[in-house]
Amino acid sequence: MDRNWQAMNSPDLHFARSTTCKHARFDYIPEHVVCHIVSGEMRVMESHRESIYRAGDSFLLRRNALVKCEQRPLASGVAFRVIYLLLKKDFLQRQAMQHQSPKERPGTTSTGQVLLLEPTPSLTGLFRSLVAYMDAGTHPSAAMTRHKLVEMLICLLEQHPEMATWLFTETQAGKLDLAEFMERNFRFNVPMSKFAELSGRSLSTFQRDFMKIFGMQAGAWLLKRRLQAAREILLNSERKPSDVYIEIGFEDLAHFSRSFKTYFGYNPSKIKRTLEMD
C-alpha cells in the first residue's frame, strides 16, 4: 500500500487523498463515474484532447471511456483529494422507470467521454455534504450513499435532461473503422478483448480484421506504435522516459526501457545524445 495514497471506499462512493503524483491504475472506465476535485488537480487525457481539472471542478467520465488520469497534489504542498460517485448499470436500471427519456436534441453534450459539470446550487450542495464526511474521516452509511446517488442523478438530469437517453440505455458499439480506432486509442493500456469490444467486434473477428489491415498481430503492432510515439515525444521535448512511459501505454519503466532499447538499439534516456553522434 502506497503510504502517500489513502482511500475510503464503498462499492459506489470513493474518497481518496494523495501527497504524490499518481496515475490511475486502469485506462478503461467500466461505469459512469462523477468526479469532484476537492483539492489539487487532475490531468485527464483522452484520445483527442487533454484537460486539467482543479479544486471545485466536477466532471462525468462516461461508461466505456478510454482515458488516462493523473492525480496531482500542488507544488505548495496541498494534497490531492477527490470524490468519486459510481453510477452503475444496476442502479440506473432501477432508476430508469422514474425518469423520462427525452428525444436526443442536436448539439447536446451526450457524445463526449468527459463532461465538465456546472457548479449548480444542487451539485455544490451535494459535494459539500460529502466533503464533510471526508473531512471527518468517515463514510456515509449504505442507506445515505444510495440517497446521494439518487441526488447525483437528479443533479445530472437537471443540467442535461438529454443524458437520460444514454444513462439508462446500454448501447452496443457498431463496427468501427479499425485502422482509425487503433491509431486514436493505441496509448490506452487495456486488454485486447476490450479493444475488440469497443471497436464493435468479437475478439476473433478483431484479430482477423487486424491482421488483414495491419499485416501483424495486434500485440506486436501496439508495442511498435507505442515505442514510435515515445521516441517522437522524447526527441521533440525535454521530457524524460519516466514522464512518458505510462502516457504511451506501458505499465512500468523497466519494461519500457528494455523494449525501447531492443527496438531502436539505444536507451530512451540517451536518445538525443545517440542521434547527435550519428
C-alpha atoms as a PDB file:
ATOM      1  CA  MET A   1       0.000   0.000   0.000  1.00  0.00           C
ATOM      2  CA  ASP A   2       1.349   3.396  -1.005  1.00  0.00           C
ATOM      3  CA  ARG A   3       1.746   5.423   2.202  1.00  0.00           C
ATOM      4  CA  ASN A   4       1.212   8.596   0.179  1.00  0.00           C
ATOM      5  CA  TRP A   5      -2.161   7.376  -1.069  1.00  0.00           C
ATOM      6  CA  GLN A   6      -5.159   6.965   1.230  1.00  0.00           C
ATOM      7  CA  ALA A   7      -8.659   5.886   0.270  1.00  0.00           C
ATOM      8  CA  MET A   8     -12.026   5.247   1.948  1.00  0.00           C
ATOM      9  CA  ASN A   9     -14.206   3.181  -0.334  1.00  0.00           C
ATOM     10  CA  SER A  10     -17.644   1.698  -0.589  1.00  0.00           C
ATOM     11  CA  PRO A  11     -18.833  -0.039  -3.771  1.00  0.00           C
ATOM     12  CA  ASP A  12     -20.335   3.180  -5.129  1.00  0.00           C
ATOM     13  CA  LEU A  13     -18.597   6.068  -3.326  1.00  0.00           C
ATOM     14  CA  HIS A  14     -14.834   6.575  -3.031  1.00  0.00           C
ATOM     15  CA  PHE A  15     -12.854   9.205  -1.123  1.00  0.00           C
ATOM     16  CA  ALA A  16      -9.140   9.385  -1.926  1.00  0.00           C
ATOM     17  CA  ARG A  17      -6.150  11.517  -0.955  1.00  0.00           C
ATOM     18  CA  SER A  18      -2.581  11.597  -2.293  1.00  0.00           C
ATOM     19  CA  THR A  19       0.537  13.589  -1.484  1.00  0.00           C
ATOM     20  CA  THR A  20       2.409  12.452  -4.625  1.00  0.00           C
ATOM     21  CA  CYS A  21       1.573  12.340  -8.325  1.00  0.00           C
ATOM     22  CA  LYS A  22      -0.309   9.158  -9.114  1.00  0.00           C
ATOM     23  CA  HIS A  23      -1.726   7.679 -12.303  1.00  0.00           C
ATOM     24  CA  ALA A  24      -4.993   5.801 -12.192  1.00  0.00           C
ATOM     25  CA  ARG A  25      -4.388   2.051 -12.393  1.00  0.00           C
ATOM     26  CA  PHE A  26      -6.706   1.487 -15.343  1.00  0.00           C
ATOM     27  CA  ASP A  27      -7.308   3.382 -18.594  1.00  0.00           C
ATOM     28  CA  TYR A  28     -10.819   1.997 -19.077  1.00  0.00           C
ATOM     29  CA  ILE A  29     -13.933   3.326 -17.305  1.00  0.00           C
ATOM     30  CA  PRO A  30     -16.451   0.445 -16.954  1.00  0.00           C
ATOM     31  CA  GLU A  31     -19.228   2.515 -15.332  1.00  0.00           C
ATOM     32  CA  HIS A  32     -20.344   6.139 -15.407  1.00  0.00           C
ATOM     33  CA  VAL A  33     -18.282   7.986 -12.765  1.00  0.00           C
ATOM     34  CA  VAL A  34     -18.757  11.514 -11.445  1.00  0.00           C
ATOM     35  CA  CYS A  35     -15.525  13.009 -10.067  1.00  0.00           C
ATOM     36  CA  HIS A  36     -15.248  16.039  -7.804  1.00  0.00           C
ATOM     37  CA  ILE A  37     -11.807  17.560  -7.155  1.00  0.00           C
ATOM     38  CA  VAL A  38     -11.628  18.731  -3.545  1.00  0.00           C
ATOM     39  CA  SER A  39      -8.011  19.914  -3.723  1.00  0.00           C
ATOM     40  CA  GLY A  40      -5.044  19.541  -6.046  1.00  0.00           C
ATOM     41  CA  GLU A  41      -5.680  18.839  -9.721  1.00  0.00           C
ATOM     42  CA  MET A  42      -6.301  16.014 -12.165  1.00  0.00           C
ATOM     43  CA  ARG A  43      -4.913  15.741 -15.682  1.00  0.00           C
ATOM     44  CA  VAL A  44      -7.307  13.804 -17.915  1.00  0.00           C
ATOM     45  CA  MET A  45      -6.007  12.576 -21.293  1.00  0.00           C
ATOM     46  CA  GLU A  46      -8.464  11.444 -23.958  1.00  0.00           C
ATOM     47  CA  SER A  47      -7.551  10.278 -27.455  1.00  0.00           C
ATOM     48  CA  HIS A  48      -8.106  13.754 -28.915  1.00  0.00           C
ATOM     49  CA  ARG A  49      -7.554  16.199 -26.060  1.00  0.00           C
ATOM     50  CA  GLU A  50      -6.048  16.808 -22.636  1.00  0.00           C
ATOM     51  CA  SER A  51      -7.760  18.706 -19.809  1.00  0.00           C
ATOM     52  CA  ILE A  52      -6.752  19.872 -16.333  1.00  0.00           C
ATOM     53  CA  TYR A  53      -9.424  19.873 -13.627  1.00  0.00           C
ATOM     54  CA  ARG A  54      -8.825  21.768 -10.388  1.00  0.00           C
ATOM     55  CA  ALA A  55     -10.322  22.190  -6.922  1.00  0.00           C
ATOM     56  CA  GLY A  56     -14.068  22.746  -7.174  1.00  0.00           C
ATOM     57  CA  ASP A  57     -14.411  21.133 -10.610  1.00  0.00           C
ATOM     58  CA  SER A  58     -16.827  18.255 -11.131  1.00  0.00           C
ATOM     59  CA  PHE A  59     -16.979  16.140 -14.272  1.00  0.00           C
ATOM     60  CA  LEU A  60     -18.531  12.952 -15.594  1.00  0.00           C
ATOM     61  CA  LEU A  61     -16.446  10.116 -17.032  1.00  0.00           C
ATOM     62  CA  ARG A  62     -18.794   8.232 -19.302  1.00  0.00           C
ATOM     63  CA  ARG A  63     -19.113   4.436 -19.291  1.00  0.00           C
ATOM     64  CA  ASN A  64     -16.734   2.746 -21.773  1.00  0.00           C
ATOM     65  CA  ALA A  65     -14.457   5.802 -21.854  1.00  0.00           C
ATOM     66  CA  LEU A  66     -10.769   5.309 -22.640  1.00  0.00           C
ATOM     67  CA  VAL A  67      -8.924   7.933 -20.605  1.00  0.00           C
ATOM     68  CA  LYS A  68      -5.712   8.359 -18.634  1.00  0.00           C
ATOM     69  CA  CYS A  69      -5.993  10.202 -15.315  1.00  0.00           C
ATOM     70  CA  GLU A  70      -3.029  11.684 -13.458  1.00  0.00           C
ATOM     71  CA  GLN A  71      -3.818  12.838  -9.924  1.00  0.00           C
ATOM     72  CA  ARG A  72      -1.523  15.626  -8.763  1.00  0.00           C
ATOM     73  CA  PRO A  73      -1.007  17.487  -5.464  1.00  0.00           C
ATOM     74  CA  LEU A  74       0.054  21.116  -5.733  1.00  0.00           C
ATOM     75  CA  ALA A  75       3.653  22.278  -5.581  1.00  0.00           C
ATOM     76  CA  SER A  76       2.729  24.301  -2.494  1.00  0.00           C
ATOM     77  CA  GLY A  77       2.181  21.041  -0.611  1.00  0.00           C
ATOM     78  CA  VAL A  78      -1.610  20.886  -0.862  1.00  0.00           C
ATOM     79  CA  ALA A  79      -2.619  17.218  -1.173  1.00  0.00           C
ATOM     80  CA  PHE A  80      -4.753  15.876  -3.983  1.00  0.00           C
ATOM     81  CA  ARG A  81      -8.231  14.924  -2.738  1.00  0.00           C
ATOM     82  CA  VAL A  82     -11.061  13.555  -4.843  1.00  0.00           C
ATOM     83  CA  ILE A  83     -14.570  12.138  -4.503  1.00  0.00           C
ATOM     84  CA  TYR A  84     -15.835   9.508  -6.959  1.00  0.00           C
ATOM     85  CA  LEU A  85     -19.516   8.584  -7.301  1.00  0.00           C
ATOM     86  CA  LEU A  86     -20.171   5.489  -9.424  1.00  0.00           C
ATOM     87  CA  LEU A  87     -23.461   5.301 -11.330  1.00  0.00           C
ATOM     88  CA  LYS A  88     -23.573   1.586 -12.054  1.00  0.00           C
ATOM     89  CA  LYS A  89     -25.822  -0.225 -14.507  1.00  0.00           C
ATOM     90  CA  ASP A  90     -27.963  -1.932 -11.856  1.00  0.00           C
ATOM     91  CA  PHE A  91     -28.582   1.361 -10.014  1.00  0.00           C
ATOM     92  CA  LEU A  92     -29.504   3.158 -13.250  1.00  0.00           C
ATOM     93  CA  GLN A  93     -31.842   0.335 -14.300  1.00  0.00           C
ATOM     94  CA  ARG A  94     -33.707   0.669 -11.004  1.00  0.00           C
ATOM     95  CA  GLN A  95     -33.993   4.431 -11.514  1.00  0.00           C
ATOM     96  CA  ALA A  96     -34.948   4.332 -15.212  1.00  0.00           C
ATOM     97  CA  MET A  97     -38.684   3.908 -14.643  1.00  0.00           C
ATOM     98  CA  GLN A  98     -38.818   7.125 -12.618  1.00  0.00           C
ATOM     99  CA  HIS A  99     -37.268   9.340 -15.311  1.00  0.00           C
ATOM    100  CA  GLN A 100     -38.462  10.226 -18.761  1.00  0.00           C
ATOM    101  CA  SER A 101     -36.046   9.775 -21.690  1.00  0.00           C
ATOM    102  CA  PRO A 102     -36.492  12.815 -23.964  1.00  0.00           C
ATOM    103  CA  LYS A 103     -35.582  12.605 -27.609  1.00  0.00           C
ATOM    104  CA  GLU A 104     -31.983  13.416 -28.405  1.00  0.00           C
ATOM    105  CA  ARG A 105     -31.560  17.044 -29.391  1.00  0.00           C
ATOM    106  CA  PRO A 106     -28.957  18.216 -31.923  1.00  0.00           C
ATOM    107  CA  GLY A 107     -25.884  19.818 -30.414  1.00  0.00           C
ATOM    108  CA  THR A 108     -26.262  18.199 -26.990  1.00  0.00           C
ATOM    109  CA  THR A 109     -23.279  17.197 -24.880  1.00  0.00           C
ATOM    110  CA  SER A 110     -24.098  13.485 -24.644  1.00  0.00           C
ATOM    111  CA  THR A 111     -21.468  12.226 -27.100  1.00  0.00           C
ATOM    112  CA  GLY A 112     -18.281  13.211 -25.231  1.00  0.00           C
ATOM    113  CA  GLN A 113     -16.386  10.796 -22.977  1.00  0.00           C
ATOM    114  CA  VAL A 114     -15.689  13.503 -20.372  1.00  0.00           C
ATOM    115  CA  LEU A 115     -18.239  16.175 -19.492  1.00  0.00           C
ATOM    116  CA  LEU A 116     -17.481  19.151 -17.232  1.00  0.00           C
ATOM    117  CA  LEU A 117     -20.446  19.877 -14.967  1.00  0.00           C
ATOM    118  CA  GLU A 118     -21.774  23.270 -13.989  1.00  0.00           C
ATOM    119  CA  PRO A 119     -21.442  24.136 -10.262  1.00  0.00           C
ATOM    120  CA  THR A 120     -25.195  24.494  -9.749  1.00  0.00           C
ATOM    121  CA  PRO A 121     -26.518  25.017  -6.196  1.00  0.00           C
ATOM    122  CA  SER A 122     -27.783  21.426  -6.078  1.00  0.00           C
ATOM    123  CA  LEU A 123     -24.477  19.926  -7.221  1.00  0.00           C
ATOM    124  CA  THR A 124     -22.414  22.203  -4.980  1.00  0.00           C
ATOM    125  CA  GLY A 125     -24.612  21.293  -2.005  1.00  0.00           C
ATOM    126  CA  LEU A 126     -24.261  17.588  -2.695  1.00  0.00           C
ATOM    127  CA  PHE A 127     -20.483  17.656  -2.777  1.00  0.00           C
ATOM    128  CA  ARG A 128     -20.271  19.978   0.218  1.00  0.00           C
ATOM    129  CA  SER A 129     -22.166  17.352   2.232  1.00  0.00           C
ATOM    130  CA  LEU A 130     -19.771  14.613   1.057  1.00  0.00           C
ATOM    131  CA  VAL A 131     -16.677  16.702   1.829  1.00  0.00           C
ATOM    132  CA  ALA A 132     -17.948  16.914   5.406  1.00  0.00           C
ATOM    133  CA  TYR A 133     -17.739  13.117   5.667  1.00  0.00           C
ATOM    134  CA  MET A 134     -14.313  13.174   4.039  1.00  0.00           C
ATOM    135  CA  ASP A 135     -13.004  15.806   6.465  1.00  0.00           C
ATOM    136  CA  ALA A 136     -14.357  13.793   9.392  1.00  0.00           C
ATOM    137  CA  GLY A 137     -12.527  10.682   8.187  1.00  0.00           C
ATOM    138  CA  THR A 138     -15.716   8.667   7.942  1.00  0.00           C
ATOM    139  CA  HIS A 139     -18.052   7.330   5.278  1.00  0.00           C
ATOM    140  CA  PRO A 140     -21.831   7.659   4.781  1.00  0.00           C
ATOM    141  CA  SER A 141     -23.962   4.666   5.643  1.00  0.00           C
ATOM    142  CA  ALA A 142     -25.163   2.397   2.826  1.00  0.00           C
ATOM    143  CA  ALA A 143     -28.620   3.979   3.004  1.00  0.00           C
ATOM    144  CA  MET A 144     -27.185   7.508   2.868  1.00  0.00           C
ATOM    145  CA  THR A 145     -24.885   6.550  -0.024  1.00  0.00           C
ATOM    146  CA  ARG A 146     -27.917   5.335  -2.018  1.00  0.00           C
ATOM    147  CA  HIS A 147     -29.607   8.653  -1.278  1.00  0.00           C
ATOM    148  CA  LYS A 148     -26.543  10.559  -2.517  1.00  0.00           C
ATOM    149  CA  LEU A 149     -26.503   8.534  -5.742  1.00  0.00           C
ATOM    150  CA  VAL A 150     -30.125   9.425  -6.432  1.00  0.00           C
ATOM    151  CA  GLU A 151     -29.345  13.060  -5.620  1.00  0.00           C
ATOM    152  CA  MET A 152     -26.393  12.943  -8.036  1.00  0.00           C
ATOM    153  CA  LEU A 153     -28.598  11.534 -10.793  1.00  0.00           C
ATOM    154  CA  ILE A 154     -31.123  14.318 -10.300  1.00  0.00           C
ATOM    155  CA  CYS A 155     -28.342  16.920 -10.440  1.00  0.00           C
ATOM    156  CA  LEU A 156     -27.139  15.494 -13.773  1.00  0.00           C
ATOM    157  CA  LEU A 157     -30.596  15.399 -15.340  1.00  0.00           C
ATOM    158  CA  GLU A 158     -31.341  18.943 -14.157  1.00  0.00           C
ATOM    159  CA  GLN A 159     -28.288  20.162 -16.093  1.00  0.00           C
ATOM    160  CA  HIS A 160     -28.611  17.862 -19.100  1.00  0.00           C
ATOM    161  CA  PRO A 161     -32.039  16.209 -19.495  1.00  0.00           C
ATOM    162  CA  GLU A 162     -30.840  14.573 -22.712  1.00  0.00           C
ATOM    163  CA  MET A 163     -28.453  12.417 -20.640  1.00  0.00           C
ATOM    164  CA  ALA A 164     -31.396  10.140 -19.892  1.00  0.00           C
ATOM    165  CA  THR A 165     -31.199   8.770 -23.433  1.00  0.00           C
ATOM    166  CA  TRP A 166     -27.824   7.103 -22.712  1.00  0.00           C
ATOM    167  CA  LEU A 167     -27.591   6.950 -18.915  1.00  0.00           C
ATOM    168  CA  PHE A 168     -30.417   4.427 -18.847  1.00  0.00           C
ATOM    169  CA  THR A 169     -29.607   2.618 -22.093  1.00  0.00           C
ATOM    170  CA  GLU A 170     -26.899   0.034 -22.697  1.00  0.00           C
ATOM    171  CA  THR A 171     -25.828   0.553 -26.308  1.00  0.00           C
ATOM    172  CA  GLN A 172     -23.657  -1.779 -28.357  1.00  0.00           C
ATOM    173  CA  ALA A 173     -20.810  -0.279 -30.373  1.00  0.00           C
ATOM    174  CA  GLY A 174     -21.213  -0.504 -34.124  1.00  0.00           C
ATOM    175  CA  LYS A 175     -18.350  -1.916 -36.172  1.00  0.00           C
ATOM    176  CA  LEU A 176     -15.838   0.944 -36.365  1.00  0.00           C
ATOM    177  CA  ASP A 177     -13.052   1.687 -38.843  1.00  0.00           C
ATOM    178  CA  LEU A 178     -10.367  -0.393 -37.132  1.00  0.00           C
ATOM    179  CA  ALA A 179      -7.328   1.487 -38.501  1.00  0.00           C
ATOM    180  CA  GLU A 180      -8.704   4.842 -37.340  1.00  0.00           C
ATOM    181  CA  PHE A 181      -9.878   3.406 -33.997  1.00  0.00           C
ATOM    182  CA  MET A 182      -6.498   1.873 -33.137  1.00  0.00           C
ATOM    183  CA  GLU A 183      -4.485   4.904 -34.239  1.00  0.00           C
ATOM    184  CA  ARG A 184      -6.658   7.042 -31.990  1.00  0.00           C
ATOM    185  CA  ASN A 185      -6.536   4.716 -28.968  1.00  0.00           C
ATOM    186  CA  PHE A 186      -3.218   2.797 -29.019  1.00  0.00           C
ATOM    187  CA  ARG A 187      -1.924   4.661 -25.948  1.00  0.00           C
ATOM    188  CA  PHE A 188      -4.589   3.182 -23.687  1.00  0.00           C
ATOM    189  CA  ASN A 189      -3.427   0.142 -21.747  1.00  0.00           C
ATOM    190  CA  VAL A 190      -6.466  -2.149 -21.880  1.00  0.00           C
ATOM    191  CA  PRO A 191      -6.877  -5.880 -22.691  1.00  0.00           C
ATOM    192  CA  MET A 192      -7.184  -6.863 -26.336  1.00  0.00           C
ATOM    193  CA  SER A 193     -10.710  -8.086 -25.634  1.00  0.00           C
ATOM    194  CA  LYS A 194     -11.671  -4.533 -24.652  1.00  0.00           C
ATOM    195  CA  PHE A 195     -10.227  -3.070 -27.866  1.00  0.00           C
ATOM    196  CA  ALA A 196     -12.295  -5.668 -29.719  1.00  0.00           C
ATOM    197  CA  GLU A 197     -15.490  -4.836 -27.812  1.00  0.00           C
ATOM    198  CA  LEU A 198     -15.126  -1.071 -28.197  1.00  0.00           C
ATOM    199  CA  SER A 199     -14.456  -1.412 -31.921  1.00  0.00           C
ATOM    200  CA  GLY A 200     -17.676  -3.411 -32.301  1.00  0.00           C
ATOM    201  CA  ARG A 201     -16.128  -6.869 -32.812  1.00  0.00           C
ATOM    202  CA  SER A 202     -15.727 -10.233 -31.169  1.00  0.00           C
ATOM    203  CA  LEU A 203     -12.130 -10.975 -30.191  1.00  0.00           C
ATOM    204  CA  SER A 204     -11.694 -13.464 -33.041  1.00  0.00           C
ATOM    205  CA  THR A 205     -13.107 -11.019 -35.615  1.00  0.00           C
ATOM    206  CA  PHE A 206     -10.919  -8.257 -34.201  1.00  0.00           C
ATOM    207  CA  GLN A 207      -7.792 -10.406 -34.533  1.00  0.00           C
ATOM    208  CA  ARG A 208      -8.701 -11.445 -38.067  1.00  0.00           C
ATOM    209  CA  ASP A 209      -9.517  -7.881 -39.179  1.00  0.00           C
ATOM    210  CA  PHE A 210      -6.376  -6.568 -37.504  1.00  0.00           C
ATOM    211  CA  MET A 211      -4.106  -8.971 -39.363  1.00  0.00           C
ATOM    212  CA  LYS A 212      -5.832  -8.114 -42.646  1.00  0.00           C
ATOM    213  CA  ILE A 213      -5.420  -4.347 -42.133  1.00  0.00           C
ATOM    214  CA  PHE A 214      -2.022  -4.095 -40.392  1.00  0.00           C
ATOM    215  CA  GLY A 215      -0.287  -7.277 -41.543  1.00  0.00           C
ATOM    216  CA  MET A 216       0.752  -8.248 -37.996  1.00  0.00           C
ATOM    217  CA  GLN A 217      -0.689  -9.336 -34.667  1.00  0.00           C
ATOM    218  CA  ALA A 218      -2.301  -6.601 -32.570  1.00  0.00           C
ATOM    219  CA  GLY A 219       0.149  -7.037 -29.671  1.00  0.00           C
ATOM    220  CA  ALA A 220       3.186  -6.567 -31.906  1.00  0.00           C
ATOM    221  CA  TRP A 221       1.630  -3.527 -33.586  1.00  0.00           C
ATOM    222  CA  LEU A 222       0.749  -1.905 -30.259  1.00  0.00           C
ATOM    223  CA  LEU A 223       4.304  -2.341 -28.961  1.00  0.00           C
ATOM    224  CA  LYS A 224       5.775  -0.878 -32.159  1.00  0.00           C
ATOM    225  CA  ARG A 225       3.324   2.045 -32.291  1.00  0.00           C
ATOM    226  CA  ARG A 226       3.799   2.946 -28.620  1.00  0.00           C
ATOM    227  CA  LEU A 227       7.582   2.915 -28.971  1.00  0.00           C
ATOM    228  CA  GLN A 228       7.389   5.127 -32.049  1.00  0.00           C
ATOM    229  CA  ALA A 229       5.170   7.579 -30.161  1.00  0.00           C
ATOM    230  CA  ALA A 230       7.565   7.592 -27.200  1.00  0.00           C
ATOM    231  CA  ARG A 231      10.513   8.297 -29.477  1.00  0.00           C
ATOM    232  CA  GLU A 232       8.736  11.292 -31.006  1.00  0.00           C
ATOM    233  CA  ILE A 233       7.922  12.733 -27.580  1.00  0.00           C
ATOM    234  CA  LEU A 234      11.428  12.240 -26.189  1.00  0.00           C
ATOM    235  CA  LEU A 235      13.082  13.607 -29.316  1.00  0.00           C
ATOM    236  CA  ASN A 236      10.928  16.740 -29.536  1.00  0.00           C
ATOM    237  CA  SER A 237      10.643  17.724 -25.883  1.00  0.00           C
ATOM    238  CA  GLU A 238      12.644  17.904 -22.668  1.00  0.00           C
ATOM    239  CA  ARG A 239      10.605  15.182 -21.033  1.00  0.00           C
ATOM    240  CA  LYS A 240      12.240  12.109 -19.507  1.00  0.00           C
ATOM    241  CA  PRO A 241      11.347   8.431 -20.038  1.00  0.00           C
ATOM    242  CA  SER A 242       9.886   8.360 -16.520  1.00  0.00           C
ATOM    243  CA  ASP A 243       7.499  11.138 -17.577  1.00  0.00           C
ATOM    244  CA  VAL A 244       6.107   9.400 -20.656  1.00  0.00           C
ATOM    245  CA  TYR A 245       6.071   5.620 -20.294  1.00  0.00           C
ATOM    246  CA  ILE A 246       2.613   5.449 -18.668  1.00  0.00           C
ATOM    247  CA  GLU A 247       1.239   8.058 -21.057  1.00  0.00           C
ATOM    248  CA  ILE A 248       2.078   5.963 -24.107  1.00  0.00           C
ATOM    249  CA  GLY A 249       0.723   2.678 -22.708  1.00  0.00           C
ATOM    250  CA  PHE A 250       3.426   0.884 -20.672  1.00  0.00           C
ATOM    251  CA  GLU A 251       2.830  -0.337 -17.125  1.00  0.00           C
ATOM    252  CA  ASP A 252       6.376   0.017 -15.804  1.00  0.00           C
ATOM    253  CA  LEU A 253       9.523   1.923 -16.687  1.00  0.00           C
ATOM    254  CA  ALA A 254      11.818  -1.102 -16.820  1.00  0.00           C
ATOM    255  CA  HIS A 255       9.710  -2.850 -19.458  1.00  0.00           C
ATOM    256  CA  PHE A 256       9.510   0.353 -21.485  1.00  0.00           C
ATOM    257  CA  SER A 257      13.291   0.897 -21.344  1.00  0.00           C
ATOM    258  CA  ARG A 258      14.083  -2.700 -22.328  1.00  0.00           C
ATOM    259  CA  SER A 259      11.591  -2.637 -25.200  1.00  0.00           C
ATOM    260  CA  PHE A 260      12.853   0.730 -26.432  1.00  0.00           C
ATOM    261  CA  LYS A 261      16.483  -0.416 -26.473  1.00  0.00           C
ATOM    262  CA  THR A 262      15.601  -3.675 -28.218  1.00  0.00           C
ATOM    263  CA  TYR A 263      13.632  -1.864 -30.919  1.00  0.00           C
ATOM    264  CA  PHE A 264      15.849   1.190 -31.505  1.00  0.00           C
ATOM    265  CA  GLY A 265      19.241  -0.040 -30.305  1.00  0.00           C
ATOM    266  CA  TYR A 266      19.816   2.601 -27.614  1.00  0.00           C
ATOM    267  CA  ASN A 267      18.371   3.581 -24.236  1.00  0.00           C
ATOM    268  CA  PRO A 268      15.470   6.062 -24.240  1.00  0.00           C
ATOM    269  CA  SER A 269      17.335   8.305 -21.802  1.00  0.00           C
ATOM    270  CA  LYS A 270      20.158   8.701 -24.333  1.00  0.00           C
ATOM    271  CA  ILE A 271      18.085   9.327 -27.451  1.00  0.00           C
ATOM    272  CA  LYS A 272      19.313  12.861 -28.206  1.00  0.00           C
ATOM    273  CA  ARG A 273      22.958  12.112 -27.404  1.00  0.00           C
ATOM    274  CA  THR A 274      22.874   8.988 -29.591  1.00  0.00           C
ATOM    275  CA  LEU A 275      21.320  10.773 -32.571  1.00  0.00           C
ATOM    276  CA  GLU A 276      23.744  13.692 -32.271  1.00  0.00           C
ATOM    277  CA  MET A 277      26.675  11.247 -32.546  1.00  0.00           C
ATOM    278  CA  ASP A 278      25.301   9.581 -35.704  1.00  0.00           C
END
